[in-house]
């Protein structure tokens, strides 16, 4: 999932082949994630995701419903 790879610090061009997506699709998904989290950067988004995961929020289910590749 893009979220997990984002947290791991991978670049869009590295995430794409792992998930069978184009780099452009990954970039769009990351931008949508940042927008939904009100994060200015992918690093800030990753920090928010990690803190929410520690708090018990299940972001996998949330983003699978709201962020889909086109």
PDB file of N, CA and C in Angstrom:
ATOM      1  N   UNK A   1       0.838  -1.174   0.000  1.00  0.00           N
ATOM      2  CA  UNK A   1       0.000   0.000   0.000  1.00  0.00           C
ATOM      3  C   UNK A   1       0.892   1.250   0.000  1.00  0.00           C
ATOM      4  N   UNK A   2       0.436   2.265  -0.690  1.00  0.00           N
ATOM      5  CA  UNK A   2       1.204   3.498  -0.833  1.00  0.00           C
ATOM      6  C   UNK A   2       1.530   4.106   0.530  1.00  0.00           C
ATOM      7  N   UNK A   3       0.576   4.092   1.437  1.00  0.00           N
ATOM      8  CA  UNK A   3       0.804   4.695   2.760  1.00  0.00           C
ATOM      9  C   UNK A   3       1.990   4.074   3.477  1.00  0.00           C
ATOM     10  N   UNK A   4       2.041   2.766   3.488  1.00  0.00           N
ATOM     11  CA  UNK A   4       3.134   2.090   4.183  1.00  0.00           C
ATOM     12  C   UNK A   4       4.471   2.416   3.538  1.00  0.00           C
ATOM     13  N   UNK A   5       4.495   2.427   2.217  1.00  0.00           N
ATOM     14  CA  UNK A   5       5.743   2.744   1.502  1.00  0.00           C
ATOM     15  C   UNK A   5       6.156   4.194   1.734  1.00  0.00           C
ATOM     16  N   UNK A   6       5.162   5.070   1.841  1.00  0.00           N
ATOM     17  CA  UNK A   6       5.437   6.482   2.143  1.00  0.00           C
ATOM     18  C   UNK A   6       6.092   6.595   3.517  1.00  0.00           C
ATOM     19  N   UNK A   7       5.552   5.881   4.489  1.00  0.00           N
ATOM     20  CA  UNK A   7       6.105   5.892   5.838  1.00  0.00           C
ATOM     21  C   UNK A   7       7.527   5.331   5.845  1.00  0.00           C
ATOM     22  N   UNK A   8       7.779   4.344   4.996  1.00  0.00           N
ATOM     23  CA  UNK A   8       9.112   3.746   4.907  1.00  0.00           C
ATOM     24  C   UNK A   8      10.127   4.685   4.241  1.00  0.00           C
ATOM     25  N   UNK A   9       9.642   5.772   3.646  1.00  0.00           N
ATOM     26  CA  UNK A   9      10.531   6.759   3.054  1.00  0.00           C
ATOM     27  C   UNK A   9      10.875   6.514   1.595  1.00  0.00           C
ATOM     28  N   UNK A  10      10.143   5.618   0.937  1.00  0.00           N
ATOM     29  CA  UNK A  10      10.424   5.342  -0.463  1.00  0.00           C
ATOM     30  C   UNK A  10       9.953   6.481  -1.358  1.00  0.00           C
ATOM     31  N   UNK A  11      10.616   6.631  -2.487  1.00  0.00           N
ATOM     32  CA  UNK A  11      10.247   7.639  -3.475  1.00  0.00           C
ATOM     33  C   UNK A  11       9.118   7.099  -4.350  1.00  0.00           C
ATOM     34  N   UNK A  12       8.390   8.015  -4.982  1.00  0.00           N
ATOM     35  CA  UNK A  12       7.279   7.613  -5.852  1.00  0.00           C
ATOM     36  C   UNK A  12       7.736   6.624  -6.918  1.00  0.00           C
ATOM     37  N   UNK A  13       8.895   6.901  -7.523  1.00  0.00           N
ATOM     38  CA  UNK A  13       9.363   6.027  -8.606  1.00  0.00           C
ATOM     39  C   UNK A  13       9.778   4.645  -8.090  1.00  0.00           C
ATOM     40  N   UNK A  14      10.002   4.519  -6.784  1.00  0.00           N
ATOM     41  CA  UNK A  14      10.304   3.211  -6.203  1.00  0.00           C
ATOM     42  C   UNK A  14       9.030   2.492  -5.742  1.00  0.00           C
ATOM     43  N   UNK A  15       8.036   3.261  -5.336  1.00  0.00           N
ATOM     44  CA  UNK A  15       6.777   2.695  -4.872  1.00  0.00           C
ATOM     45  C   UNK A  15       5.989   2.102  -6.041  1.00  0.00           C
ATOM     46  N   UNK A  16       5.962   2.804  -7.153  1.00  0.00           N
ATOM     47  CA  UNK A  16       5.169   2.387  -8.312  1.00  0.00           C
ATOM     48  C   UNK A  16       5.370   0.936  -8.722  1.00  0.00           C
ATOM     49  N   UNK A  17       6.599   0.544  -9.049  1.00  0.00           N
ATOM     50  CA  UNK A  17       6.812  -0.842  -9.475  1.00  0.00           C
ATOM     51  C   UNK A  17       6.458  -1.877  -8.402  1.00  0.00           C
ATOM     52  N   UNK A  18       6.640  -1.526  -7.150  1.00  0.00           N
ATOM     53  CA  UNK A  18       6.304  -2.461  -6.075  1.00  0.00           C
ATOM     54  C   UNK A  18       4.809  -2.753  -6.010  1.00  0.00           C
ATOM     55  N   UNK A  19       4.006  -1.761  -6.389  1.00  0.00           N
ATOM     56  CA  UNK A  19       2.556  -1.889  -6.280  1.00  0.00           C
ATOM     57  C   UNK A  19       1.858  -2.009  -7.627  1.00  0.00           C
ATOM     58  N   UNK A  20       2.640  -2.056  -8.701  1.00  0.00           N
ATOM     59  CA  UNK A  20       2.046  -2.162 -10.030  1.00  0.00           C
ATOM     60  C   UNK A  20       1.369  -0.886 -10.489  1.00  0.00           C
ATOM     61  N   UNK A  21       1.880   0.255 -10.035  1.00  0.00           N
ATOM     62  CA  UNK A  21       1.330   1.562 -10.392  1.00  0.00           C
ATOM     63  C   UNK A  21       2.378   2.365 -11.141  1.00  0.00           C
ATOM     64  N   UNK A  22       1.928   3.343 -11.913  1.00  0.00           N
ATOM     65  CA  UNK A  22       2.869   4.257 -12.543  1.00  0.00           C
ATOM     66  C   UNK A  22       3.348   5.267 -11.504  1.00  0.00           C
ATOM     67  N   UNK A  23       4.493   5.858 -11.761  1.00  0.00           N
ATOM     68  CA  UNK A  23       5.021   6.898 -10.871  1.00  0.00           C
ATOM     69  C   UNK A  23       4.023   8.037 -10.763  1.00  0.00           C
ATOM     70  N   UNK A  24       3.408   8.367 -11.869  1.00  0.00           N
ATOM     71  CA  UNK A  24       2.428   9.459 -11.891  1.00  0.00           C
ATOM     72  C   UNK A  24       1.232   9.147 -10.978  1.00  0.00           C
ATOM     73  N   UNK A  25       0.756   7.893 -11.010  1.00  0.00           N
ATOM     74  CA  UNK A  25      -0.354   7.498 -10.135  1.00  0.00           C
ATOM     75  C   UNK A  25       0.043   7.600  -8.672  1.00  0.00           C
ATOM     76  N   UNK A  26       1.250   7.154  -8.357  1.00  0.00           N
ATOM     77  CA  UNK A  26       1.727   7.218  -6.974  1.00  0.00           C
ATOM     78  C   UNK A  26       1.829   8.673  -6.535  1.00  0.00           C
ATOM     79  N   UNK A  27       2.367   9.524  -7.375  1.00  0.00           N
ATOM     80  CA  UNK A  27       2.490  10.948  -7.051  1.00  0.00           C
ATOM     81  C   UNK A  27       1.123  11.546  -6.760  1.00  0.00           C
ATOM     82  N   UNK A  28       0.128  11.211  -7.588  1.00  0.00           N
ATOM     83  CA  UNK A  28      -1.221  11.729  -7.397  1.00  0.00           C
ATOM     84  C   UNK A  28      -1.813  11.224  -6.077  1.00  0.00           C
ATOM     85  N   UNK A  29      -1.600   9.952  -5.785  1.00  0.00           N
ATOM     86  CA  UNK A  29      -2.116   9.382  -4.537  1.00  0.00           C
ATOM     87  C   UNK A  29      -1.467  10.062  -3.330  1.00  0.00           C
ATOM     88  N   UNK A  30      -0.159  10.265  -3.397  1.00  0.00           N
ATOM     89  CA  UNK A  30       0.552  10.923  -2.295  1.00  0.00           C
ATOM     90  C   UNK A  30       0.034  12.350  -2.117  1.00  0.00           C
ATOM     91  N   UNK A  31      -0.201  13.058  -3.209  1.00  0.00           N
ATOM     92  CA  UNK A  31      -0.743  14.419  -3.113  1.00  0.00           C
ATOM     93  C   UNK A  31      -2.135  14.417  -2.495  1.00  0.00           C
ATOM     94  N   UNK A  32      -2.957  13.424  -2.846  1.00  0.00           N
ATOM     95  CA  UNK A  32      -4.294  13.320  -2.256  1.00  0.00           C
ATOM     96  C   UNK A  32      -4.217  13.001  -0.766  1.00  0.00           C
ATOM     97  N   UNK A  33      -3.275  12.153  -0.398  1.00  0.00           N
ATOM     98  CA  UNK A  33      -3.079  11.834   1.018  1.00  0.00           C
ATOM     99  C   UNK A  33      -2.685  13.100   1.781  1.00  0.00           C
ATOM    100  N   UNK A  34      -1.726  13.834   1.229  1.00  0.00           N
ATOM    101  CA  UNK A  34      -1.286  15.087   1.869  1.00  0.00           C
ATOM    102  C   UNK A  34      -2.455  16.051   2.013  1.00  0.00           C
ATOM    103  N   UNK A  35      -3.273  16.142   0.974  1.00  0.00           N
ATOM    104  CA  UNK A  35      -4.423  17.041   1.004  1.00  0.00           C
ATOM    105  C   UNK A  35      -5.400  16.623   2.100  1.00  0.00           C
ATOM    106  N   UNK A  36      -5.702  15.344   2.190  1.00  0.00           N
ATOM    107  CA  UNK A  36      -6.652  14.852   3.195  1.00  0.00           C
ATOM    108  C   UNK A  36      -6.141  15.046   4.622  1.00  0.00           C
ATOM    109  N   UNK A  37      -4.819  15.002   4.768  1.00  0.00           N
ATOM    110  CA  UNK A  37      -4.222  15.164   6.094  1.00  0.00           C
ATOM    111  C   UNK A  37      -3.858  16.615   6.397  1.00  0.00           C
ATOM    112  N   UNK A  38      -4.071  17.507   5.439  1.00  0.00           N
ATOM    113  CA  UNK A  38      -3.651  18.905   5.554  1.00  0.00           C
ATOM    114  C   UNK A  38      -2.152  19.003   5.806  1.00  0.00           C
ATOM    115  N   UNK A  39      -1.402  18.140   5.147  1.00  0.00           N
ATOM    116  CA  UNK A  39       0.053  18.135   5.279  1.00  0.00           C
ATOM    117  C   UNK A  39       0.665  18.901   4.106  1.00  0.00           C
ATOM    118  N   UNK A  40       1.675  19.682   4.386  1.00  0.00           N
ATOM    119  CA  UNK A  40       2.333  20.447   3.330  1.00  0.00           C
ATOM    120  C   UNK A  40       3.349  19.624   2.548  1.00  0.00           C
ATOM    121  N   UNK A  41       3.908  18.612   3.195  1.00  0.00           N
ATOM    122  CA  UNK A  41       4.917  17.778   2.549  1.00  0.00           C
ATOM    123  C   UNK A  41       4.623  16.308   2.803  1.00  0.00           C
ATOM    124  N   UNK A  42       5.248  15.441   2.000  1.00  0.00           N
ATOM    125  CA  UNK A  42       5.077  13.998   2.196  1.00  0.00           C
ATOM    126  C   UNK A  42       5.700  13.559   3.518  1.00  0.00           C
ATOM    127  N   UNK A  43       6.743  14.255   3.949  1.00  0.00           N
ATOM    128  CA  UNK A  43       7.356  13.935   5.239  1.00  0.00           C
ATOM    129  C   UNK A  43       6.391  14.255   6.371  1.00  0.00           C
ATOM    130  N   UNK A  44       5.737  15.399   6.289  1.00  0.00           N
ATOM    131  CA  UNK A  44       4.751  15.758   7.308  1.00  0.00           C
ATOM    132  C   UNK A  44       3.595  14.761   7.290  1.00  0.00           C
ATOM    133  N   UNK A  45       3.161  14.337   6.118  1.00  0.00           N
ATOM    134  CA  UNK A  45       2.093  13.343   6.016  1.00  0.00           C
ATOM    135  C   UNK A  45       2.515  12.033   6.674  1.00  0.00           C
ATOM    136  N   UNK A  46       3.743  11.607   6.418  1.00  0.00           N
ATOM    137  CA  UNK A  46       4.242  10.360   7.013  1.00  0.00           C
ATOM    138  C   UNK A  46       4.265  10.471   8.536  1.00  0.00           C
ATOM    139  N   UNK A  47       4.679  11.617   9.045  1.00  0.00           N
ATOM    140  CA  UNK A  47       4.704  11.818  10.505  1.00  0.00           C
ATOM    141  C   UNK A  47       3.302  11.750  11.093  1.00  0.00           C
ATOM    142  N   UNK A  48       2.342  12.356  10.415  1.00  0.00           N
ATOM    143  CA  UNK A  48       0.951  12.316  10.870  1.00  0.00           C
ATOM    144  C   UNK A  48       0.451  10.873  10.866  1.00  0.00           C
ATOM    145  N   UNK A  49       0.755  10.159   9.805  1.00  0.00           N
ATOM    146  CA  UNK A  49       0.305   8.767   9.699  1.00  0.00           C
ATOM    147  C   UNK A  49       0.894   7.898  10.797  1.00  0.00           C
ATOM    148  N   UNK A  50       2.178   8.080  11.066  1.00  0.00           N
ATOM    149  CA  UNK A  50       2.826   7.286  12.120  1.00  0.00           C
ATOM    150  C   UNK A  50       2.195   7.599  13.472  1.00  0.00           C
ATOM    151  N   UNK A  51       1.980   8.879  13.758  1.00  0.00           N
ATOM    152  CA  UNK A  51       1.392   9.239  15.054  1.00  0.00           C
ATOM    153  C   UNK A  51      -0.037   8.719  15.172  1.00  0.00           C
ATOM    154  N   UNK A  52      -0.790   8.740  14.073  1.00  0.00           N
ATOM    155  CA  UNK A  52      -2.157   8.228  14.093  1.00  0.00           C
ATOM    156  C   UNK A  52      -2.172   6.712  14.245  1.00  0.00           C
ATOM    157  N   UNK A  53      -1.219   6.034  13.607  1.00  0.00           N
ATOM    158  CA  UNK A  53      -1.134   4.580  13.757  1.00  0.00           C
ATOM    159  C   UNK A  53      -0.857   4.216  15.206  1.00  0.00           C
ATOM    160  N   UNK A  54       0.019   4.975  15.846  1.00  0.00           N
ATOM    161  CA  UNK A  54       0.315   4.725  17.256  1.00  0.00           C
ATOM    162  C   UNK A  54      -0.911   4.954  18.128  1.00  0.00           C
ATOM    163  N   UNK A  55      -1.789   5.840  17.683  1.00  0.00           N
ATOM    164  CA  UNK A  55      -3.008   6.136  18.428  1.00  0.00           C
ATOM    165  C   UNK A  55      -4.127   5.140  18.104  1.00  0.00           C
ATOM    166  N   UNK A  56      -3.860   4.240  17.170  1.00  0.00           N
ATOM    167  CA  UNK A  56      -4.831   3.205  16.855  1.00  0.00           C
ATOM    168  C   UNK A  56      -5.714   3.469  15.654  1.00  0.00           C
ATOM    169  N   UNK A  57      -5.478   4.551  14.920  1.00  0.00           N
ATOM    170  CA  UNK A  57      -6.275   4.839  13.735  1.00  0.00           C
ATOM    171  C   UNK A  57      -5.889   3.884  12.619  1.00  0.00           C
ATOM    172  N   UNK A  58      -6.869   3.318  11.932  1.00  0.00           N
ATOM    173  CA  UNK A  58      -6.629   2.375  10.848  1.00  0.00           C
ATOM    174  C   UNK A  58      -6.691   3.113   9.513  1.00  0.00           C
ATOM    175  N   UNK A  59      -5.580   3.714   9.106  1.00  0.00           N
ATOM    176  CA  UNK A  59      -5.535   4.503   7.880  1.00  0.00           C
ATOM    177  C   UNK A  59      -5.661   3.653   6.635  1.00  0.00           C
ATOM    178  N   UNK A  60      -5.302   2.366   6.695  1.00  0.00           N
ATOM    179  CA  UNK A  60      -5.424   1.514   5.523  1.00  0.00           C
ATOM    180  C   UNK A  60      -6.864   1.483   5.027  1.00  0.00           C
ATOM    181  N   UNK A  61      -7.790   1.286   5.935  1.00  0.00           N
ATOM    182  CA  UNK A  61      -9.197   1.229   5.544  1.00  0.00           C
ATOM    183  C   UNK A  61      -9.724   2.586   5.103  1.00  0.00           C
ATOM    184  N   UNK A  62      -9.309   3.626   5.764  1.00  0.00           N
ATOM    185  CA  UNK A  62      -9.775   4.970   5.417  1.00  0.00           C
ATOM    186  C   UNK A  62      -9.338   5.336   4.008  1.00  0.00           C
ATOM    187  N   UNK A  63      -8.068   5.184   3.698  1.00  0.00           N
ATOM    188  CA  UNK A  63      -7.574   5.631   2.417  1.00  0.00           C
ATOM    189  C   UNK A  63      -7.935   4.700   1.277  1.00  0.00           C
ATOM    190  N   UNK A  64      -8.133   3.419   1.532  1.00  0.00           N
ATOM    191  CA  UNK A  64      -8.556   2.523   0.462  1.00  0.00           C
ATOM    192  C   UNK A  64      -9.937   2.931  -0.048  1.00  0.00           C
ATOM    193  N   UNK A  65     -10.766   3.464   0.809  1.00  0.00           N
ATOM    194  CA  UNK A  65     -12.096   3.906   0.387  1.00  0.00           C
ATOM    195  C   UNK A  65     -12.063   5.265  -0.264  1.00  0.00           C
ATOM    196  N   UNK A  66     -11.113   6.114   0.124  1.00  0.00           N
ATOM    197  CA  UNK A  66     -11.161   7.508  -0.322  1.00  0.00           C
ATOM    198  C   UNK A  66     -10.115   7.870  -1.364  1.00  0.00           C
ATOM    199  N   UNK A  67      -9.031   7.128  -1.453  1.00  0.00           N
ATOM    200  CA  UNK A  67      -7.972   7.433  -2.410  1.00  0.00           C
ATOM    201  C   UNK A  67      -7.781   6.212  -3.291  1.00  0.00           C
ATOM    202  N   UNK A  68      -8.209   6.341  -4.555  1.00  0.00           N
ATOM    203  CA  UNK A  68      -8.059   5.210  -5.460  1.00  0.00           C
ATOM    204  C   UNK A  68      -7.319   5.641  -6.716  1.00  0.00           C
ATOM    205  N   UNK A  69      -6.467   4.781  -7.258  1.00  0.00           N
ATOM    206  CA  UNK A  69      -5.755   5.134  -8.489  1.00  0.00           C
ATOM    207  C   UNK A  69      -6.717   5.246  -9.654  1.00  0.00           C
ATOM    208  N   UNK A  70      -6.424   6.164 -10.551  1.00  0.00           N
ATOM    209  CA  UNK A  70      -7.263   6.329 -11.752  1.00  0.00           C
ATOM    210  C   UNK A  70      -6.645   5.627 -12.918  1.00  0.00           C
TER     211      UNK A  70
END
